[in-house]
PDB file of N, CA and C in Angstrom:
ATOM      1  N   UNK A   1      89.895-315.954-110.092  1.00  0.00           N
ATOM      2  CA  UNK A   1      90.709-315.644-110.910  1.00  0.00           C
ATOM      3  C   UNK A   1      90.240-314.645-112.144  1.00  0.00           C
ATOM      4  N   UNK A   2      90.252-313.498-112.145  1.00  0.00           N
ATOM      5  CA  UNK A   2      89.859-312.303-113.509  1.00  0.00           C
ATOM      6  C   UNK A   2      90.417-313.182-114.472  1.00  0.00           C
ATOM      7  N   UNK A   3      89.351-313.179-115.421  1.00  0.00           N
ATOM      8  CA  UNK A   3      89.664-313.330-117.076  1.00  0.00           C
ATOM      9  C   UNK A   3      90.578-312.150-117.986  1.00  0.00           C
ATOM     10  N   UNK A   4      91.556-312.750-118.641  1.00  0.00           N
ATOM     11  CA  UNK A   4      92.663-311.772-118.796  1.00  0.00           C
ATOM     12  C   UNK A   4      92.663-312.210-120.451  1.00  0.00           C
ATOM     13  N   UNK A   5      93.561-311.385-121.199  1.00  0.00           N
ATOM     14  CA  UNK A   5      94.106-311.932-122.629  1.00  0.00           C
ATOM     15  C   UNK A   5      95.219-312.666-122.733  1.00  0.00           C
ATOM     16  N   UNK A   6      95.129-313.929-122.801  1.00  0.00           N
ATOM     17  CA  UNK A   6      96.054-314.848-122.790  1.00  0.00           C
ATOM     18  C   UNK A   6      96.433-315.092-124.754  1.00  0.00           C
ATOM     19  N   UNK A   7      97.917-315.133-124.749  1.00  0.00           N
ATOM     20  CA  UNK A   7      97.770-315.220-126.368  1.00  0.00           C
ATOM     21  C   UNK A   7      97.701-316.794-126.518  1.00  0.00           C
ATOM     22  N   UNK A   8      97.412-317.220-127.936  1.00  0.00           N
ATOM     23  CA  UNK A   8      97.455-318.209-128.720  1.00  0.00           C
ATOM     24  C   UNK A   8      98.216-319.340-128.351  1.00  0.00           C
ATOM     25  N   UNK A   9      99.898-318.985-127.927  1.00  0.00           N
ATOM     26  CA  UNK A   9     100.596-319.935-127.741  1.00  0.00           C
ATOM     27  C   UNK A   9     100.438-320.528-125.978  1.00  0.00           C
ATOM     28  N   UNK A  10     100.428-319.144-125.394  1.00  0.00           N
ATOM     29  CA  UNK A  10     100.078-319.671-123.950  1.00  0.00           C
ATOM     30  C   UNK A  10      98.802-320.677-123.816  1.00  0.00           C
ATOM     31  N   UNK A  11      97.507-320.354-125.055  1.00  0.00           N
ATOM     32  CA  UNK A  11      96.379-321.144-124.632  1.00  0.00           C
ATOM     33  C   UNK A  11      96.950-322.839-125.200  1.00  0.00           C
ATOM     34  N   UNK A  12      97.577-322.551-126.417  1.00  0.00           N
ATOM     35  CA  UNK A  12      98.083-323.930-126.623  1.00  0.00           C
ATOM     36  C   UNK A  12      98.922-324.687-125.605  1.00  0.00           C
ATOM     37  N   UNK A  13      99.741-324.094-125.343  1.00  0.00           N
ATOM     38  CA  UNK A  13     100.832-324.615-123.967  1.00  0.00           C
ATOM     39  C   UNK A  13     100.273-325.260-122.665  1.00  0.00           C
ATOM     40  N   UNK A  14      98.883-324.527-122.199  1.00  0.00           N
ATOM     41  CA  UNK A  14      98.114-325.067-121.049  1.00  0.00           C
ATOM     42  C   UNK A  14      97.164-326.012-121.322  1.00  0.00           C
ATOM     43  N   UNK A  15      96.791-326.045-122.518  1.00  0.00           N
ATOM     44  CA  UNK A  15      95.963-327.073-123.017  1.00  0.00           C
ATOM     45  C   UNK A  15      96.831-328.595-123.133  1.00  0.00           C
ATOM     46  N   UNK A  16      98.213-328.495-123.786  1.00  0.00           N
ATOM     47  CA  UNK A  16      98.855-329.841-123.425  1.00  0.00           C
ATOM     48  C   UNK A  16      99.701-329.900-122.179  1.00  0.00           C
ATOM     49  N   UNK A  17      99.734-328.979-121.387  1.00  0.00           N
ATOM     50  CA  UNK A  17     100.296-329.023-120.175  1.00  0.00           C
ATOM     51  C   UNK A  17      99.416-330.155-119.129  1.00  0.00           C
ATOM     52  N   UNK A  18      97.973-329.433-119.405  1.00  0.00           N
ATOM     53  CA  UNK A  18      97.006-330.237-118.780  1.00  0.00           C
ATOM     54  C   UNK A  18      96.874-331.621-118.901  1.00  0.00           C
ATOM     55  N   UNK A  19      97.320-331.882-120.201  1.00  0.00           N
ATOM     56  CA  UNK A  19      96.691-333.062-120.543  1.00  0.00           C
ATOM     57  C   UNK A  19      98.157-333.882-120.411  1.00  0.00           C
ATOM     58  N   UNK A  20      99.521-333.262-120.203  1.00  0.00           N
ATOM     59  CA  UNK A  20     100.542-333.885-119.982  1.00  0.00           C
ATOM     60  C   UNK A  20     100.399-334.424-118.469  1.00  0.00           C
ATOM     61  N   UNK A  21      99.800-333.285-117.152  1.00  0.00           N
ATOM     62  CA  UNK A  21      99.866-333.436-115.844  1.00  0.00           C
ATOM     63  C   UNK A  21      98.979-334.974-115.548  1.00  0.00           C
ATOM     64  N   UNK A  22      98.003-335.123-116.723  1.00  0.00           N
ATOM     65  CA  UNK A  22      96.837-335.869-116.136  1.00  0.00           C
ATOM     66  C   UNK A  22      97.671-337.212-117.161  1.00  0.00           C
ATOM     67  N   UNK A  23      98.862-337.090-117.624  1.00  0.00           N
ATOM     68  CA  UNK A  23      99.277-338.652-118.246  1.00  0.00           C
ATOM     69  C   UNK A  23      98.602-339.115-119.699  1.00  0.00           C
ATOM     70  N   UNK A  24      97.716-337.618-120.309  1.00  0.00           N
ATOM     71  CA  UNK A  24      96.534-338.274-121.336  1.00  0.00           C
ATOM     72  C   UNK A  24      97.730-338.500-122.410  1.00  0.00           C
ATOM     73  N   UNK A  25      98.179-339.612-123.030  1.00  0.00           N
ATOM     74  CA  UNK A  25      98.677-339.721-123.840  1.00  0.00           C
ATOM     75  C   UNK A  25      98.171-341.303-124.737  1.00  0.00           C
ATOM     76  N   UNK A  26      97.747-340.807-125.891  1.00  0.00           N
ATOM     77  CA  UNK A  26      97.111-342.089-126.766  1.00  0.00           C
ATOM     78  C   UNK A  26      96.093-342.408-126.398  1.00  0.00           C
ATOM     79  N   UNK A  27      96.087-343.390-126.013  1.00  0.00           N
ATOM     80  CA  UNK A  27      94.439-344.487-125.827  1.00  0.00           C
ATOM     81  C   UNK A  27      93.705-343.676-124.310  1.00  0.00           C
ATOM     82  N   UNK A  28      94.880-342.896-123.595  1.00  0.00           N
ATOM     83  CA  UNK A  28      94.012-342.547-122.308  1.00  0.00           C
ATOM     84  C   UNK A  28      93.755-340.952-123.033  1.00  0.00           C
ATOM     85  N   UNK A  29      92.227-340.692-122.532  1.00  0.00           N
ATOM     86  CA  UNK A  29      91.904-339.105-123.108  1.00  0.00           C
ATOM     87  C   UNK A  29      90.847-338.602-122.358  1.00  0.00           C
ATOM     88  N   UNK A  30      90.896-337.014-122.653  1.00  0.00           N
ATOM     89  CA  UNK A  30      90.153-336.306-121.530  1.00  0.00           C
ATOM     90  C   UNK A  30      88.936-335.701-122.508  1.00  0.00           C
ATOM     91  N   UNK A  31      87.980-335.592-121.813  1.00  0.00           N
ATOM     92  CA  UNK A  31      86.895-334.656-122.877  1.00  0.00           C
ATOM     93  C   UNK A  31      86.806-333.485-122.932  1.00  0.00           C
ATOM     94  N   UNK A  32      86.489-333.345-124.358  1.00  0.00           N
ATOM     95  CA  UNK A  32      87.184-331.706-124.978  1.00  0.00           C
ATOM     96  C   UNK A  32      86.347-330.784-124.304  1.00  0.00           C
ATOM     97  N   UNK A  33      85.077-330.781-123.979  1.00  0.00           N
ATOM     98  CA  UNK A  33      84.434-330.066-122.761  1.00  0.00           C
ATOM     99  C   UNK A  33      84.930-329.779-121.550  1.00  0.00           C
ATOM    100  N   UNK A  34      85.786-330.861-121.120  1.00  0.00           N
ATOM    101  CA  UNK A  34      86.174-330.312-119.530  1.00  0.00           C
ATOM    102  C   UNK A  34      87.298-329.430-119.861  1.00  0.00           C
ATOM    103  N   UNK A  35      88.392-329.651-120.889  1.00  0.00           N
ATOM    104  CA  UNK A  35      89.259-329.047-121.016  1.00  0.00           C
ATOM    105  C   UNK A  35      88.746-327.500-121.285  1.00  0.00           C
ATOM    106  N   UNK A  36      87.440-327.250-122.394  1.00  0.00           N
ATOM    107  CA  UNK A  36      87.324-326.160-122.495  1.00  0.00           C
ATOM    108  C   UNK A  36      86.572-325.134-121.214  1.00  0.00           C
ATOM    109  N   UNK A  37      85.803-326.158-120.697  1.00  0.00           N
ATOM    110  CA  UNK A  37      85.391-325.507-119.400  1.00  0.00           C
ATOM    111  C   UNK A  37      86.101-324.950-118.557  1.00  0.00           C
ATOM    112  N   UNK A  38      87.492-325.357-118.333  1.00  0.00           N
ATOM    113  CA  UNK A  38      88.696-325.393-117.428  1.00  0.00           C
ATOM    114  C   UNK A  38      89.214-324.304-117.858  1.00  0.00           C
ATOM    115  N   UNK A  39      89.421-323.889-119.414  1.00  0.00           N
ATOM    116  CA  UNK A  39      90.271-322.713-119.553  1.00  0.00           C
ATOM    117  C   UNK A  39      89.157-321.543-120.146  1.00  0.00           C
ATOM    118  N   UNK A  40      87.879-322.115-120.141  1.00  0.00           N
ATOM    119  CA  UNK A  40      87.073-320.554-120.395  1.00  0.00           C
ATOM    120  C   UNK A  40      87.084-320.081-119.174  1.00  0.00           C
ATOM    121  N   UNK A  41      86.995-320.178-118.179  1.00  0.00           N
ATOM    122  CA  UNK A  41      86.734-320.058-116.800  1.00  0.00           C
ATOM    123  C   UNK A  41      88.164-318.615-116.714  1.00  0.00           C
ATOM    124  N   UNK A  42      89.294-319.013-117.190  1.00  0.00           N
ATOM    125  CA  UNK A  42      90.337-317.949-117.598  1.00  0.00           C
ATOM    126  C   UNK A  42      90.919-316.817-118.490  1.00  0.00           C
ATOM    127  N   UNK A  43      89.948-317.608-119.515  1.00  0.00           N
ATOM    128  CA  UNK A  43      90.305-316.985-121.079  1.00  0.00           C
ATOM    129  C   UNK A  43      88.934-316.098-121.736  1.00  0.00           C
ATOM    130  N   UNK A  44      89.232-315.024-122.403  1.00  0.00           N
ATOM    131  CA  UNK A  44      88.179-314.287-122.719  1.00  0.00           C
ATOM    132  C   UNK A  44      87.302-315.076-123.726  1.00  0.00           C
ATOM    133  N   UNK A  45      86.136-314.634-124.132  1.00  0.00           N
ATOM    134  CA  UNK A  45      85.529-315.350-125.593  1.00  0.00           C
ATOM    135  C   UNK A  45      85.180-316.852-125.081  1.00  0.00           C
ATOM    136  N   UNK A  46      84.756-316.727-124.167  1.00  0.00           N
ATOM    137  CA  UNK A  46      83.676-318.088-123.369  1.00  0.00           C
ATOM    138  C   UNK A  46      84.359-319.683-124.320  1.00  0.00           C
ATOM    139  N   UNK A  47      85.402-319.928-124.310  1.00  0.00           N
ATOM    140  CA  UNK A  47      86.051-321.149-125.202  1.00  0.00           C
ATOM    141  C   UNK A  47      85.614-321.250-126.612  1.00  0.00           C
ATOM    142  N   UNK A  48      85.334-320.625-127.245  1.00  0.00           N
ATOM    143  CA  UNK A  48      84.881-320.550-128.908  1.00  0.00           C
ATOM    144  C   UNK A  48      86.642-320.666-129.354  1.00  0.00           C
ATOM    145  N   UNK A  49      87.528-319.788-128.653  1.00  0.00           N
ATOM    146  CA  UNK A  49      88.899-319.882-129.050  1.00  0.00           C
ATOM    147  C   UNK A  49      89.759-320.844-128.708  1.00  0.00           C
ATOM    148  N   UNK A  50      89.503-321.384-127.114  1.00  0.00           N
ATOM    149  CA  UNK A  50      89.935-322.563-126.967  1.00  0.00           C
ATOM    150  C   UNK A  50      90.038-323.756-127.800  1.00  0.00           C
ATOM    151  N   UNK A  51      88.307-323.926-128.287  1.00  0.00           N
ATOM    152  CA  UNK A  51      87.908-325.121-129.061  1.00  0.00           C
ATOM    153  C   UNK A  51      88.523-324.929-130.286  1.00  0.00           C
ATOM    154  N   UNK A  52      88.876-323.710-131.247  1.00  0.00           N
ATOM    155  CA  UNK A  52      89.301-323.497-132.377  1.00  0.00           C
ATOM    156  C   UNK A  52      90.948-323.729-132.146  1.00  0.00           C
ATOM    157  N   UNK A  53      91.368-323.619-130.841  1.00  0.00           N
ATOM    158  CA  UNK A  53      93.075-323.987-130.578  1.00  0.00           C
ATOM    159  C   UNK A  53      93.155-325.266-130.546  1.00  0.00           C
ATOM    160  N   UNK A  54      92.086-326.000-129.926  1.00  0.00           N
ATOM    161  CA  UNK A  54      92.502-327.494-129.727  1.00  0.00           C
ATOM    162  C   UNK A  54      92.452-328.012-131.254  1.00  0.00           C
ATOM    163  N   UNK A  55      91.704-327.440-132.107  1.00  0.00           N
ATOM    164  CA  UNK A  55      91.634-328.320-133.496  1.00  0.00           C
ATOM    165  C   UNK A  55      92.523-327.806-134.387  1.00  0.00           C
ATOM    166  N   UNK A  56      93.243-326.773-133.959  1.00  0.00           N
ATOM    167  CA  UNK A  56      94.522-326.436-134.953  1.00  0.00           C
ATOM    168  C   UNK A  56      95.708-327.396-134.224  1.00  0.00           C
ATOM    169  N   UNK A  57      95.603-327.772-133.049  1.00  0.00           N
ATOM    170  CA  UNK A  57      96.935-328.438-132.053  1.00  0.00           C
ATOM    171  C   UNK A  57      96.225-329.962-132.973  1.00  0.00           C
ATOM    172  N   UNK A  58      95.092-330.360-133.095  1.00  0.00           N
ATOM    173  CA  UNK A  58      94.807-331.671-133.929  1.00  0.00           C
ATOM    174  C   UNK A  58      95.343-331.765-135.393  1.00  0.00           C
ATOM    175  N   UNK A  59      95.296-330.551-136.090  1.00  0.00           N
ATOM    176  CA  UNK A  59      95.586-330.226-137.395  1.00  0.00           C
ATOM    177  C   UNK A  59      97.166-330.553-137.727  1.00  0.00           C
ATOM    178  N   UNK A  60      97.988-329.849-136.492  1.00  0.00           N
ATOM    179  CA  UNK A  60      98.960-329.974-136.386  1.00  0.00           C
ATOM    180  C   UNK A  60      99.767-331.330-135.925  1.00  0.00           C
ATOM    181  N   UNK A  61      98.644-332.031-135.302  1.00  0.00           N
ATOM    182  CA  UNK A  61      99.785-333.619-135.468  1.00  0.00           C
ATOM    183  C   UNK A  61      99.892-333.365-133.693  1.00  0.00           C
ATOM    184  N   UNK A  62      99.645-332.684-132.971  1.00  0.00           N
ATOM    185  CA  UNK A  62     100.141-332.918-131.068  1.00  0.00           C
ATOM    186  C   UNK A  62      99.001-333.406-130.902  1.00  0.00           C
ATOM    187  N   UNK A  63      97.596-333.158-130.579  1.00  0.00           N
ATOM    188  CA  UNK A  63      96.616-333.668-130.323  1.00  0.00           C
ATOM    189  C   UNK A  63      96.165-334.718-131.231  1.00  0.00           C
ATOM    190  N   UNK A  64      95.387-335.738-130.661  1.00  0.00           N
ATOM    191  CA  UNK A  64      94.388-336.554-131.296  1.00  0.00           C
ATOM    192  C   UNK A  64      92.787-336.788-130.812  1.00  0.00           C
ATOM    193  N   UNK A  65      92.213-336.781-131.856  1.00  0.00           N
ATOM    194  CA  UNK A  65      90.984-336.709-131.331  1.00  0.00           C
ATOM    195  C   UNK A  65      90.309-337.857-131.122  1.00  0.00           C
ATOM    196  N   UNK A  66      89.334-338.501-129.883  1.00  0.00           N
ATOM    197  CA  UNK A  66      88.843-339.592-130.112  1.00  0.00           C
ATOM    198  C   UNK A  66      87.218-339.707-129.940  1.00  0.00           C
ATOM    199  N   UNK A  67      86.507-340.674-130.176  1.00  0.00           N
ATOM    200  CA  UNK A  67      85.163-340.876-130.055  1.00  0.00           C
ATOM    201  C   UNK A  67      84.667-339.464-130.952  1.00  0.00           C
ATOM    202  N   UNK A  68      84.840-339.365-131.973  1.00  0.00           N
ATOM    203  CA  UNK A  68      84.522-338.647-132.968  1.00  0.00           C
ATOM    204  C   UNK A  68      84.450-337.066-132.587  1.00  0.00           C
ATOM    205  N   UNK A  69      86.057-336.586-132.070  1.00  0.00           N
ATOM    206  CA  UNK A  69      86.309-335.535-131.631  1.00  0.00           C
ATOM    207  C   UNK A  69      85.268-335.054-130.195  1.00  0.00           C
ATOM    208  N   UNK A  70      84.996-335.729-129.750  1.00  0.00           N
ATOM    209  CA  UNK A  70      84.435-335.705-127.992  1.00  0.00           C
ATOM    210  C   UNK A  70      85.730-335.691-127.056  1.00  0.00           C
ATOM    211  N   UNK A  71      86.560-336.075-127.261  1.00  0.00           N
ATOM    212  CA  UNK A  71      87.661-336.336-126.221  1.00  0.00           C
ATOM    213  C   UNK A  71      88.991-336.213-127.255  1.00  0.00           C
ATOM    214  N   UNK A  72      90.055-335.787-126.219  1.00  0.00           N
ATOM    215  CA  UNK A  72      91.395-335.708-127.187  1.00  0.00           C
ATOM    216  C   UNK A  72      92.561-336.332-125.669  1.00  0.00           C
ATOM    217  N   UNK A  73      93.593-336.346-126.494  1.00  0.00           N
ATOM    218  CA  UNK A  73      94.904-337.172-125.915  1.00  0.00           C
ATOM    219  C   UNK A  73      96.201-336.383-126.564  1.00  0.00           C
ATOM    220  N   UNK A  74      97.190-336.422-126.024  1.00  0.00           N
ATOM    221  CA  UNK A  74      98.188-336.198-126.847  1.00  0.00           C
ATOM    222  C   UNK A  74      98.717-337.155-127.534  1.00  0.00           C
ATOM    223  N   UNK A  75      99.571-336.802-128.769  1.00  0.00           N
ATOM    224  CA  UNK A  75      99.927-337.813-129.564  1.00  0.00           C
ATOM    225  C   UNK A  75     101.227-338.340-129.232  1.00  0.00           C
ATOM    226  N   UNK A  76     101.491-339.487-129.009  1.00  0.00           N
ATOM    227  CA  UNK A  76     102.800-340.250-128.249  1.00  0.00           C
ATOM    228  C   UNK A  76     103.579-340.282-129.489  1.00  0.00           C
ATOM    229  N   UNK A  77     103.355-340.172-130.844  1.00  0.00           N
ATOM    230  CA  UNK A  77     104.534-339.971-132.021  1.00  0.00           C
ATOM    231  C   UNK A  77     105.296-338.710-131.600  1.00  0.00           C
ATOM    232  N   UNK A  78     104.519-337.737-131.314  1.00  0.00           N
ATOM    233  CA  UNK A  78     104.957-336.195-131.260  1.00  0.00           C
ATOM    234  C   UNK A  78     105.398-336.003-129.694  1.00  0.00           C
ATOM    235  N   UNK A  79     105.556-336.867-128.637  1.00  0.00           N
ATOM    236  CA  UNK A  79     105.882-336.621-127.347  1.00  0.00           C
ATOM    237  C   UNK A  79     107.248-335.862-127.248  1.00  0.00           C
ATOM    238  N   UNK A  80     108.301-336.091-127.893  1.00  0.00           N
ATOM    239  CA  UNK A  80     109.464-335.308-127.708  1.00  0.00           C
ATOM    240  C   UNK A  80     109.195-333.887-128.535  1.00  0.00           C
ATOM    241  N   UNK A  81     108.524-333.398-129.297  1.00  0.00           N
ATOM    242  CA  UNK A  81     108.432-332.383-129.433  1.00  0.00           C
ATOM    243  C   UNK A  81     107.433-331.542-128.777  1.00  0.00           C
ATOM    244  N   UNK A  82     106.252-332.250-128.074  1.00  0.00           N
ATOM    245  CA  UNK A  82     105.519-331.781-127.222  1.00  0.00           C
ATOM    246  C   UNK A  82     106.253-331.107-125.916  1.00  0.00           C
ATOM    247  N   UNK A  83     107.115-332.077-125.375  1.00  0.00           N
ATOM    248  CA  UNK A  83     108.000-331.896-124.239  1.00  0.00           C
ATOM    249  C   UNK A  83     108.880-330.328-124.352  1.00  0.00           C
ATOM    250  N   UNK A  84     109.473-330.592-125.536  1.00  0.00           N
ATOM    251  CA  UNK A  84     110.244-329.519-126.119  1.00  0.00           C
ATOM    252  C   UNK A  84     109.715-328.131-125.902  1.00  0.00           C
ATOM    253  N   UNK A  85     108.363-328.010-126.897  1.00  0.00           N
ATOM    254  CA  UNK A  85     107.712-326.834-126.897  1.00  0.00           C
ATOM    255  C   UNK A  85     107.018-326.355-125.405  1.00  0.00           C
ATOM    256  N   UNK A  86     106.825-327.088-124.763  1.00  0.00           N
ATOM    257  CA  UNK A  86     106.546-327.113-123.144  1.00  0.00           C
ATOM    258  C   UNK A  86     107.559-326.342-122.432  1.00  0.00           C
ATOM    259  N   UNK A  87     108.543-326.852-122.897  1.00  0.00           N
ATOM    260  CA  UNK A  87     110.155-326.233-122.203  1.00  0.00           C
ATOM    261  C   UNK A  87     110.415-324.853-122.426  1.00  0.00           C
ATOM    262  N   UNK A  88     110.172-324.523-124.021  1.00  0.00           N
ATOM    263  CA  UNK A  88     110.187-323.448-124.569  1.00  0.00           C
ATOM    264  C   UNK A  88     109.620-322.294-123.755  1.00  0.00           C
ATOM    265  N   UNK A  89     108.082-322.718-123.928  1.00  0.00           N
ATOM    266  CA  UNK A  89     107.181-321.874-123.165  1.00  0.00           C
ATOM    267  C   UNK A  89     107.466-321.350-121.817  1.00  0.00           C
ATOM    268  N   UNK A  90     107.724-322.555-120.717  1.00  0.00           N
ATOM    269  CA  UNK A  90     107.939-322.358-119.917  1.00  0.00           C
ATOM    270  C   UNK A  90     109.297-321.218-119.397  1.00  0.00           C
ATOM    271  N   UNK A  91     109.975-321.345-119.993  1.00  0.00           N
ATOM    272  CA  UNK A  91     111.433-320.459-120.106  1.00  0.00           C
ATOM    273  C   UNK A  91     111.057-319.160-120.648  1.00  0.00           C
ATOM    274  N   UNK A  92     110.037-319.042-121.545  1.00  0.00           N
ATOM    275  CA  UNK A  92     109.894-317.795-122.130  1.00  0.00           C
ATOM    276  C   UNK A  92     109.091-316.983-121.011  1.00  0.00           C
ATOM    277  N   UNK A  93     108.448-317.706-119.951  1.00  0.00           N
ATOM    278  CA  UNK A  93     107.354-316.754-119.138  1.00  0.00           C
ATOM    279  C   UNK A  93     108.215-316.839-117.677  1.00  0.00           C
TER     280      UNK A  93
END
């Protein structure tokens, strides 16, 4: 698949959707590098933008860092907000 310019909300929704599909809530987490590598194949700028958006999602409280920032999971406290956000993004496209 060729690289294309995805918007920031599309990338954020894709990150959260990938974690949701793998049921990574709370103590079940996924390596940040794995997420970046999956998305860097489809997004321009080699994953730097993906890493900054993951940090932004952590700062907003949607994601949680584990193991010193090397792994990430969805925040179970914000589960309703996350599912509503993903539904809005899917309806928008």
